[in-house]
N, C-alpha and C. Protein backbone atom coordinates (compact mmCIF):
# COMPACT_ATOMS: atom_id res chain seq x y z
N UNK A 1 143.38 111.44 31.39
CA UNK A 1 144.87 111.36 31.11
C UNK A 1 145.66 111.36 32.33
N UNK A 2 145.27 111.77 33.48
CA UNK A 2 145.55 111.96 34.57
C UNK A 2 145.47 111.07 35.64
N UNK A 3 144.02 110.29 34.89
CA UNK A 3 143.42 108.97 35.43
C UNK A 3 144.71 107.71 35.01
N UNK A 4 144.70 107.98 33.81
CA UNK A 4 145.29 106.94 33.49
C UNK A 4 146.65 106.91 33.82
N UNK A 5 147.43 107.81 33.94
CA UNK A 5 148.67 107.68 34.23
C UNK A 5 148.88 107.46 35.95
N UNK A 6 148.22 107.98 36.50
CA UNK A 6 147.73 107.47 37.92
C UNK A 6 147.49 105.71 38.42
N UNK A 7 146.79 105.29 37.34
CA UNK A 7 146.95 103.51 37.42
C UNK A 7 148.23 103.28 36.80
N UNK A 8 149.10 103.49 35.84
CA UNK A 8 149.93 103.32 35.38
C UNK A 8 151.17 103.46 36.23
N UNK A 9 150.83 104.39 37.22
CA UNK A 9 152.19 104.58 38.23
C UNK A 9 153.06 105.66 37.44
N UNK A 10 152.44 106.07 36.51
CA UNK A 10 153.38 107.37 35.84
C UNK A 10 153.80 108.29 36.52
N UNK A 11 154.73 109.33 36.52
CA UNK A 11 154.96 110.18 37.18
C UNK A 11 155.06 111.16 35.42
N UNK A 12 154.65 112.62 35.90
CA UNK A 12 154.77 113.64 34.39
C UNK A 12 155.91 113.06 33.79
N UNK A 13 157.23 113.04 34.21
CA UNK A 13 158.64 112.83 33.48
C UNK A 13 158.18 111.55 32.90
N UNK A 14 157.88 110.38 33.74
CA UNK A 14 157.71 109.01 33.25
C UNK A 14 156.91 109.26 31.93
N UNK A 15 155.57 109.68 31.73
CA UNK A 15 154.44 109.58 30.96
C UNK A 15 155.18 110.49 29.63
N UNK A 16 155.86 111.50 29.93
CA UNK A 16 156.52 111.94 28.75
C UNK A 16 157.91 111.13 27.82
N UNK A 17 158.41 110.52 28.66
CA UNK A 17 159.43 109.66 28.08
C UNK A 17 158.46 108.47 27.61
N UNK A 18 157.76 107.89 28.19
CA UNK A 18 156.95 107.00 27.21
C UNK A 18 156.20 107.36 26.21
N UNK A 19 155.87 108.65 26.16
CA UNK A 19 154.61 109.11 24.94
C UNK A 19 155.76 109.98 24.07
N UNK A 20 157.12 110.29 24.20
CA UNK A 20 157.66 110.99 23.56
C UNK A 20 157.47 112.42 23.48
N UNK A 21 156.16 112.76 24.55
CA UNK A 21 156.50 114.44 24.35
C UNK A 21 157.02 114.54 25.62
N UNK A 22 157.27 116.51 25.73
CA UNK A 22 157.84 116.76 26.85
C UNK A 22 157.06 116.84 27.95
N UNK A 23 157.91 117.29 29.27
CA UNK A 23 157.38 117.19 30.27
C UNK A 23 156.22 118.62 30.21
N UNK A 24 156.44 119.66 29.44
CA UNK A 24 156.31 120.83 29.34
C UNK A 24 154.37 120.71 28.51
N UNK A 25 154.58 119.48 27.40
CA UNK A 25 153.53 119.69 26.73
C UNK A 25 152.72 118.50 27.67
N UNK A 26 153.02 117.83 28.45
CA UNK A 26 152.04 117.13 29.32
C UNK A 26 151.85 117.87 30.21
N UNK A 27 152.16 118.80 30.99
CA UNK A 27 151.75 119.74 32.17
C UNK A 27 150.74 120.75 31.44
N UNK A 28 150.65 120.96 30.21
CA UNK A 28 149.91 122.04 29.62
C UNK A 28 148.58 121.23 29.26
N UNK A 29 148.54 120.02 28.51
CA UNK A 29 147.43 119.35 28.42
C UNK A 29 146.93 118.99 29.59
N UNK A 30 147.48 118.58 30.70
CA UNK A 30 146.48 118.67 32.32
C UNK A 30 146.18 119.56 32.63
N UNK A 31 146.82 120.30 32.64
CA UNK A 31 146.23 122.34 33.00
C UNK A 31 145.13 122.60 31.59
N UNK A 32 144.78 121.56 31.24
CA UNK A 32 143.92 122.04 29.75
C UNK A 32 144.00 123.44 28.85
N UNK A 33 145.43 123.62 29.12
CA UNK A 33 145.97 124.88 28.18
C UNK A 33 145.86 124.73 26.80
N UNK A 34 145.87 123.51 26.31
CA UNK A 34 145.81 123.09 24.77
C UNK A 34 144.31 122.90 24.65
N UNK A 35 143.83 123.57 23.51
CA UNK A 35 142.44 123.77 23.19
C UNK A 35 142.23 122.10 22.50
N UNK A 36 142.90 121.94 21.60
CA UNK A 36 142.74 120.87 20.46
C UNK A 36 143.92 120.06 20.36
N UNK A 37 144.48 119.40 21.40
CA UNK A 37 145.42 118.30 20.42
C UNK A 37 145.40 117.89 19.67
N UNK A 38 146.51 117.75 18.97
CA UNK A 38 146.77 117.04 17.61
C UNK A 38 146.46 115.62 17.83
N UNK A 39 146.06 114.97 16.78
CA UNK A 39 145.92 113.59 16.74
C UNK A 39 147.12 112.81 17.17
N UNK A 40 148.13 112.98 16.89
CA UNK A 40 149.26 112.14 17.13
C UNK A 40 149.62 112.38 18.55
N UNK A 41 149.60 113.38 19.04
CA UNK A 41 149.74 113.66 20.63
C UNK A 41 148.51 112.68 21.32
N UNK A 42 147.55 113.17 20.77
CA UNK A 42 146.37 111.76 21.58
C UNK A 42 147.10 110.57 21.29
N UNK A 43 147.38 109.80 20.22
CA UNK A 43 147.69 108.44 19.96
C UNK A 43 149.27 108.33 21.02
N UNK A 44 149.90 109.29 21.03
CA UNK A 44 151.09 108.45 21.50
C UNK A 44 150.89 109.03 22.91
N UNK A 45 150.07 109.49 24.02
CA UNK A 45 149.44 109.21 25.18
C UNK A 45 148.63 108.24 25.50
N UNK A 46 147.74 107.68 24.24
CA UNK A 46 147.28 106.65 24.59
C UNK A 46 147.92 105.08 24.91
N UNK A 47 148.93 105.35 23.45
CA UNK A 47 149.72 104.36 23.26
C UNK A 47 150.57 103.97 24.76
N UNK A 48 151.12 105.18 25.20
CA UNK A 48 151.87 105.33 26.34
C UNK A 48 151.57 104.76 27.97
N UNK A 49 149.68 105.06 27.42
CA UNK A 49 148.92 104.49 29.01
C UNK A 49 148.63 102.90 28.71
N UNK A 50 148.61 102.66 27.24
CA UNK A 50 148.16 101.13 27.05
C UNK A 50 146.81 101.49 26.72
N UNK A 51 146.21 102.38 26.08
CA UNK A 51 144.74 102.49 26.14
C UNK A 51 144.50 102.76 24.60
N UNK A 52 143.28 102.80 24.19
CA UNK A 52 142.97 102.57 22.69
C UNK A 52 142.52 104.53 22.66
N UNK A 53 143.46 104.91 21.49
CA UNK A 53 143.11 106.45 21.38
C UNK A 53 141.44 106.84 21.04
N UNK A 54 140.92 106.01 20.94
CA UNK A 54 139.55 106.37 20.14
C UNK A 54 138.48 107.32 21.38
N UNK A 55 138.80 106.94 22.62
CA UNK A 55 137.83 107.87 23.47
C UNK A 55 138.57 109.27 23.62
N UNK A 56 139.81 109.20 23.41
CA UNK A 56 140.50 110.81 23.22
C UNK A 56 139.94 111.50 22.14
N UNK A 57 139.93 110.97 21.30
CA UNK A 57 139.54 111.40 20.00
C UNK A 57 138.19 112.20 19.78
N UNK A 58 137.39 111.01 20.48
CA UNK A 58 135.84 111.63 21.25
C UNK A 58 136.04 112.97 21.88
N UNK A 59 136.84 112.71 23.22
CA UNK A 59 136.67 113.72 23.71
C UNK A 59 137.23 114.98 23.75
N UNK A 60 138.14 115.02 22.62
CA UNK A 60 138.73 116.29 22.15
C UNK A 60 138.24 116.92 21.16
N UNK A 61 136.86 116.44 20.78
CA UNK A 61 136.49 116.98 19.80
C UNK A 61 136.54 116.53 18.43
N UNK A 62 137.79 115.79 18.23
CA UNK A 62 138.33 115.30 16.54
C UNK A 62 137.33 114.56 15.96
N UNK A 63 136.44 113.62 16.74
CA UNK A 63 135.26 112.59 16.47
C UNK A 63 134.08 113.05 17.05
N UNK A 64 132.84 113.43 16.43
CA UNK A 64 131.36 113.61 16.87
C UNK A 64 130.49 113.26 16.50
N UNK A 65 129.41 113.73 16.84
CA UNK A 65 128.18 113.13 15.88
C UNK A 65 127.64 111.23 16.23
N UNK A 66 127.35 111.24 14.75
CA UNK A 66 126.90 109.62 14.69
C UNK A 66 127.86 109.01 14.73
N UNK A 67 129.17 109.45 14.20
CA UNK A 67 130.58 108.56 14.02
C UNK A 67 131.29 108.37 15.77
N UNK A 68 130.94 109.66 16.55
CA UNK A 68 131.82 109.37 17.83
C UNK A 68 130.82 108.20 18.56
N UNK A 69 129.36 108.49 18.00
CA UNK A 69 128.13 106.99 19.23
C UNK A 69 128.91 105.68 18.76
N UNK A 70 129.24 105.64 17.25
CA UNK A 70 129.24 104.08 16.78
C UNK A 70 130.92 104.00 17.35
N UNK A 71 131.63 104.89 17.41
CA UNK A 71 132.69 104.50 18.34
C UNK A 71 132.55 104.06 19.37
N UNK A 72 132.09 104.67 20.16
CA UNK A 72 132.03 104.62 21.53
C UNK A 72 131.12 103.23 21.88
N UNK A 73 130.38 103.16 20.87
CA UNK A 73 129.30 101.76 21.27
C UNK A 73 130.21 100.54 21.27
N UNK A 74 131.43 100.73 19.89
CA UNK A 74 132.08 99.90 19.60
C UNK A 74 133.11 99.09 21.11
N UNK A 75 133.44 100.23 21.76
CA UNK A 75 134.18 100.46 22.94
C UNK A 75 133.39 99.26 23.97
């Protein structure tokens, strides 16, 4: 998330504005204080960054195993 925001030139406040999340939520995610963000949160961040949310689903543990491997292979 941090790298994507940096590439897009977003500050925390800008990412929050584009994603519909609060700056506090963005900070907690960046600091790994949220163990498993919701799918809605991941989709909001991915859309704000102009990215496919599937990688975030895999990294967060929402998608695992063979399904994750197949998803990543398609990317």
